């Protein structure tokens, strides 16, 4: 019999800024079975972990993630809006999150996509999973069914969720 698993949506976002390393570290300390995070691709090809398509809601910046360079995203403060204790917390890369998490939990990587042709982070996420051999640890989800169809064609070993 399967038992339900507890996933921390955007990390422990009630105790730390969502989709940041402190939020994921707090979730791990709480003993979750998994974390859910959101991935975008910067204009220069870096996978960054942030929920919205724009940076205004959770950082001190302005702009669309897909039109920003990694250096521009990395320079943003993603913690001050949550509280003074988190001032200077950055938007993490997907690599940084997995360096933190290791193999301690499952990870639901949500590929954010507004493009009907799935011109999004899906190719890079698939390459990331292959490079780090994460097939048994990750689920890739998206609200864009074309993204999921594309991922299935790229690598049928990747677990998917809609």
C-alpha atoms as a PDB file:
ATOM      1  CA  UNK A   1       0.000   0.000   0.000  1.00  0.00           C
ATOM      2  CA  UNK A   2       1.300   3.429  -0.922  1.00  0.00           C
ATOM      3  CA  UNK A   3       1.335   6.186   1.646  1.00  0.00           C
ATOM      4  CA  UNK A   4       0.880   9.874   0.847  1.00  0.00           C
ATOM      5  CA  UNK A   5       4.041  11.903   0.490  1.00  0.00           C
ATOM      6  CA  UNK A   6       4.467  15.420   1.843  1.00  0.00           C
ATOM      7  CA  UNK A   7       5.972  17.900  -0.648  1.00  0.00           C
ATOM      8  CA  UNK A   8       6.927  21.422   0.387  1.00  0.00           C
ATOM      9  CA  UNK A   9       5.458  23.702  -2.277  1.00  0.00           C
ATOM     10  CA  UNK A  10       8.188  26.228  -3.192  1.00  0.00           C
ATOM     11  CA  UNK A  11       9.996  24.998  -0.087  1.00  0.00           C
ATOM     12  CA  UNK A  12       8.933  25.949   3.421  1.00  0.00           C
ATOM     13  CA  UNK A  13       7.579  29.235   2.126  1.00  0.00           C
ATOM     14  CA  UNK A  14       5.860  30.169   5.372  1.00  0.00           C
ATOM     15  CA  UNK A  15       9.193  30.360   7.212  1.00  0.00           C
ATOM     16  CA  UNK A  16      11.535  31.555   4.430  1.00  0.00           C
ATOM     17  CA  UNK A  17      11.203  33.268   1.036  1.00  0.00           C
ATOM     18  CA  UNK A  18       9.681  30.890  -1.502  1.00  0.00           C
ATOM     19  CA  UNK A  19      11.908  29.053  -3.973  1.00  0.00           C
ATOM     20  CA  UNK A  20      15.107  30.033  -2.141  1.00  0.00           C
ATOM     21  CA  UNK A  21      17.819  27.939  -0.544  1.00  0.00           C
ATOM     22  CA  UNK A  22      16.666  28.897   2.991  1.00  0.00           C
ATOM     23  CA  UNK A  23      13.124  27.723   2.136  1.00  0.00           C
ATOM     24  CA  UNK A  24      14.404  24.404   0.799  1.00  0.00           C
ATOM     25  CA  UNK A  25      16.770  23.924   3.753  1.00  0.00           C
ATOM     26  CA  UNK A  26      13.904  24.571   6.182  1.00  0.00           C
ATOM     27  CA  UNK A  27      11.716  22.054   4.348  1.00  0.00           C
ATOM     28  CA  UNK A  28      14.454  19.427   4.609  1.00  0.00           C
ATOM     29  CA  UNK A  29      14.793  20.132   8.341  1.00  0.00           C
ATOM     30  CA  UNK A  30      11.038  19.570   8.671  1.00  0.00           C
ATOM     31  CA  UNK A  31      11.478  16.096   7.188  1.00  0.00           C
ATOM     32  CA  UNK A  32       9.445  16.472   3.996  1.00  0.00           C
ATOM     33  CA  UNK A  33       9.365  13.678   1.446  1.00  0.00           C
ATOM     34  CA  UNK A  34       9.918  16.143  -1.361  1.00  0.00           C
ATOM     35  CA  UNK A  35      10.030  19.717  -2.508  1.00  0.00           C
ATOM     36  CA  UNK A  36       8.356  21.430  -5.431  1.00  0.00           C
ATOM     37  CA  UNK A  37      10.106  24.232  -7.255  1.00  0.00           C
ATOM     38  CA  UNK A  38       9.612  26.329 -10.361  1.00  0.00           C
ATOM     39  CA  UNK A  39      12.180  26.682 -13.148  1.00  0.00           C
ATOM     40  CA  UNK A  40      12.745  29.332 -15.792  1.00  0.00           C
ATOM     41  CA  UNK A  41      15.503  29.728 -18.352  1.00  0.00           C
ATOM     42  CA  UNK A  42      17.411  33.016 -18.480  1.00  0.00           C
ATOM     43  CA  UNK A  43      18.237  34.604 -21.827  1.00  0.00           C
ATOM     44  CA  UNK A  44      21.794  33.258 -21.522  1.00  0.00           C
ATOM     45  CA  UNK A  45      20.681  29.691 -20.818  1.00  0.00           C
ATOM     46  CA  UNK A  46      20.807  29.312 -17.017  1.00  0.00           C
ATOM     47  CA  UNK A  47      18.120  27.394 -15.124  1.00  0.00           C
ATOM     48  CA  UNK A  48      16.901  29.585 -12.266  1.00  0.00           C
ATOM     49  CA  UNK A  49      14.380  28.759  -9.565  1.00  0.00           C
ATOM     50  CA  UNK A  50      11.629  31.368  -9.317  1.00  0.00           C
ATOM     51  CA  UNK A  51       7.855  31.052  -9.550  1.00  0.00           C
ATOM     52  CA  UNK A  52       6.624  33.958 -11.621  1.00  0.00           C
ATOM     53  CA  UNK A  53       7.502  34.862 -15.195  1.00  0.00           C
ATOM     54  CA  UNK A  54       8.524  38.284 -13.886  1.00  0.00           C
ATOM     55  CA  UNK A  55      10.684  39.114 -10.872  1.00  0.00           C
ATOM     56  CA  UNK A  56       8.594  41.873  -9.254  1.00  0.00           C
ATOM     57  CA  UNK A  57       6.598  39.762  -6.782  1.00  0.00           C
ATOM     58  CA  UNK A  58       9.489  38.045  -4.996  1.00  0.00           C
ATOM     59  CA  UNK A  59      12.549  40.244  -5.613  1.00  0.00           C
ATOM     60  CA  UNK A  60      13.610  43.867  -5.610  1.00  0.00           C
ATOM     61  CA  UNK A  61      13.864  43.834  -9.411  1.00  0.00           C
ATOM     62  CA  UNK A  62      11.722  44.479 -12.447  1.00  0.00           C
ATOM     63  CA  UNK A  63      11.599  42.431 -15.626  1.00  0.00           C
ATOM     64  CA  UNK A  64      10.831  39.136 -17.290  1.00  0.00           C
ATOM     65  CA  UNK A  65      13.064  36.238 -16.261  1.00  0.00           C
ATOM     66  CA  UNK A  66      13.387  34.912 -19.825  1.00  0.00           C
ATOM     67  CA  UNK A  67      14.679  38.310 -21.003  1.00  0.00           C
ATOM     68  CA  UNK A  68      17.230  38.687 -18.200  1.00  0.00           C
ATOM     69  CA  UNK A  69      20.757  37.333 -18.009  1.00  0.00           C
ATOM     70  CA  UNK A  70      21.780  35.085 -15.155  1.00  0.00           C
ATOM     71  CA  UNK A  71      23.988  37.892 -13.788  1.00  0.00           C
ATOM     72  CA  UNK A  72      20.964  40.196 -13.688  1.00  0.00           C
ATOM     73  CA  UNK A  73      18.838  37.613 -11.874  1.00  0.00           C
ATOM     74  CA  UNK A  74      21.667  36.683  -9.496  1.00  0.00           C
ATOM     75  CA  UNK A  75      22.074  40.335  -8.493  1.00  0.00           C
ATOM     76  CA  UNK A  76      18.484  40.532  -7.217  1.00  0.00           C
ATOM     77  CA  UNK A  77      17.480  40.410  -3.553  1.00  0.00           C
ATOM     78  CA  UNK A  78      14.890  37.640  -3.183  1.00  0.00           C
ATOM     79  CA  UNK A  79      14.660  37.797   0.604  1.00  0.00           C
ATOM     80  CA  UNK A  80      14.081  41.330   1.884  1.00  0.00           C
ATOM     81  CA  UNK A  81      10.390  41.304   0.922  1.00  0.00           C
ATOM     82  CA  UNK A  82       9.966  38.365   3.319  1.00  0.00           C
ATOM     83  CA  UNK A  83      11.869  39.869   6.219  1.00  0.00           C
ATOM     84  CA  UNK A  84      15.056  41.622   7.251  1.00  0.00           C
ATOM     85  CA  UNK A  85      16.638  38.324   8.318  1.00  0.00           C
ATOM     86  CA  UNK A  86      16.577  37.222   4.677  1.00  0.00           C
ATOM     87  CA  UNK A  87      18.015  40.380   3.103  1.00  0.00           C
ATOM     88  CA  UNK A  88      20.406  39.479   0.316  1.00  0.00           C
ATOM     89  CA  UNK A  89      19.057  35.973  -0.324  1.00  0.00           C
ATOM     90  CA  UNK A  90      19.422  35.286  -4.044  1.00  0.00           C
ATOM     91  CA  UNK A  91      17.338  33.514  -6.652  1.00  0.00           C
ATOM     92  CA  UNK A  92      19.053  30.111  -6.813  1.00  0.00           C
ATOM     93  CA  UNK A  93      20.053  28.109  -9.837  1.00  0.00           C
ATOM     94  CA  UNK A  94      18.716  24.590 -10.227  1.00  0.00           C
ATOM     95  CA  UNK A  95      22.251  23.296  -9.658  1.00  0.00           C
ATOM     96  CA  UNK A  96      22.465  25.143  -6.331  1.00  0.00           C
ATOM     97  CA  UNK A  97      19.191  23.626  -5.167  1.00  0.00           C
ATOM     98  CA  UNK A  98      20.324  20.095  -6.003  1.00  0.00           C
ATOM     99  CA  UNK A  99      23.707  20.737  -4.389  1.00  0.00           C
ATOM    100  CA  UNK A 100      21.772  21.586  -1.215  1.00  0.00           C
ATOM    101  CA  UNK A 101      19.203  18.793  -1.445  1.00  0.00           C
ATOM    102  CA  UNK A 102      21.530  16.002  -2.530  1.00  0.00           C
ATOM    103  CA  UNK A 103      19.536  12.789  -2.431  1.00  0.00           C
ATOM    104  CA  UNK A 104      17.604  13.637   0.753  1.00  0.00           C
ATOM    105  CA  UNK A 105      14.212  13.993  -0.919  1.00  0.00           C
ATOM    106  CA  UNK A 106      12.269  13.840  -4.158  1.00  0.00           C
ATOM    107  CA  UNK A 107      11.976  16.986  -6.232  1.00  0.00           C
ATOM    108  CA  UNK A 108       9.074  18.109  -8.402  1.00  0.00           C
ATOM    109  CA  UNK A 109      10.578  20.440 -11.011  1.00  0.00           C
ATOM    110  CA  UNK A 110       7.806  22.538 -12.521  1.00  0.00           C
ATOM    111  CA  UNK A 111       8.795  23.913 -15.910  1.00  0.00           C
ATOM    112  CA  UNK A 112       7.126  27.291 -16.272  1.00  0.00           C
ATOM    113  CA  UNK A 113       5.880  27.798 -19.812  1.00  0.00           C
ATOM    114  CA  UNK A 114       3.563  30.254 -21.542  1.00  0.00           C
ATOM    115  CA  UNK A 115       4.652  29.249 -25.040  1.00  0.00           C
ATOM    116  CA  UNK A 116       2.235  27.050 -27.000  1.00  0.00           C
ATOM    117  CA  UNK A 117       5.214  25.489 -28.792  1.00  0.00           C
ATOM    118  CA  UNK A 118       7.043  24.757 -25.512  1.00  0.00           C
ATOM    119  CA  UNK A 119       9.982  27.029 -26.260  1.00  0.00           C
ATOM    120  CA  UNK A 120      10.884  26.935 -22.602  1.00  0.00           C
ATOM    121  CA  UNK A 121      13.311  25.315 -20.177  1.00  0.00           C
ATOM    122  CA  UNK A 122      12.272  21.736 -21.016  1.00  0.00           C
ATOM    123  CA  UNK A 123      15.334  20.851 -23.152  1.00  0.00           C
ATOM    124  CA  UNK A 124      17.676  22.215 -20.507  1.00  0.00           C
ATOM    125  CA  UNK A 125      15.818  20.496 -17.660  1.00  0.00           C
ATOM    126  CA  UNK A 126      16.053  17.164 -19.492  1.00  0.00           C
ATOM    127  CA  UNK A 127      19.797  17.699 -20.025  1.00  0.00           C
ATOM    128  CA  UNK A 128      20.176  18.630 -16.347  1.00  0.00           C
ATOM    129  CA  UNK A 129      18.428  15.410 -15.262  1.00  0.00           C
ATOM    130  CA  UNK A 130      20.616  13.324 -17.581  1.00  0.00           C
ATOM    131  CA  UNK A 131      23.818  15.082 -16.468  1.00  0.00           C
ATOM    132  CA  UNK A 132      23.093  14.538 -12.775  1.00  0.00           C
ATOM    133  CA  UNK A 133      21.387  11.135 -13.245  1.00  0.00           C
ATOM    134  CA  UNK A 134      18.262  12.182 -11.349  1.00  0.00           C
ATOM    135  CA  UNK A 135      15.705   9.864 -12.941  1.00  0.00           C
ATOM    136  CA  UNK A 136      14.731   8.206  -9.657  1.00  0.00           C
ATOM    137  CA  UNK A 137      14.592  11.471  -7.726  1.00  0.00           C
ATOM    138  CA  UNK A 138      12.630  13.896  -9.890  1.00  0.00           C
ATOM    139  CA  UNK A 139       9.214  14.436 -11.343  1.00  0.00           C
ATOM    140  CA  UNK A 140       8.914  17.124 -13.994  1.00  0.00           C
ATOM    141  CA  UNK A 141       5.583  18.887 -14.113  1.00  0.00           C
ATOM    142  CA  UNK A 142       4.064  21.700 -16.137  1.00  0.00           C
ATOM    143  CA  UNK A 143       0.694  23.280 -16.756  1.00  0.00           C
ATOM    144  CA  UNK A 144       1.635  23.283 -20.449  1.00  0.00           C
ATOM    145  CA  UNK A 145       0.781  19.861 -21.931  1.00  0.00           C
ATOM    146  CA  UNK A 146       2.997  20.542 -24.957  1.00  0.00           C
ATOM    147  CA  UNK A 147       5.978  20.901 -22.608  1.00  0.00           C
ATOM    148  CA  UNK A 148       5.216  17.455 -21.205  1.00  0.00           C
ATOM    149  CA  UNK A 149       4.776  15.917 -24.655  1.00  0.00           C
ATOM    150  CA  UNK A 150       8.107  17.444 -25.671  1.00  0.00           C
ATOM    151  CA  UNK A 151       9.811  16.073 -22.549  1.00  0.00           C
ATOM    152  CA  UNK A 152       8.388  12.596 -23.209  1.00  0.00           C
ATOM    153  CA  UNK A 153       9.891  12.717 -26.700  1.00  0.00           C
ATOM    154  CA  UNK A 154      13.253  14.028 -25.445  1.00  0.00           C
ATOM    155  CA  UNK A 155      13.663  11.399 -22.741  1.00  0.00           C
ATOM    156  CA  UNK A 156      10.938   8.863 -21.890  1.00  0.00           C
ATOM    157  CA  UNK A 157      12.740   7.945 -18.637  1.00  0.00           C
ATOM    158  CA  UNK A 158      11.742  11.253 -17.005  1.00  0.00           C
ATOM    159  CA  UNK A 159       8.717  10.950 -14.700  1.00  0.00           C
ATOM    160  CA  UNK A 160       6.108  13.534 -15.663  1.00  0.00           C
ATOM    161  CA  UNK A 161       3.146  15.174 -13.968  1.00  0.00           C
ATOM    162  CA  UNK A 162       0.474  17.547 -15.250  1.00  0.00           C
END
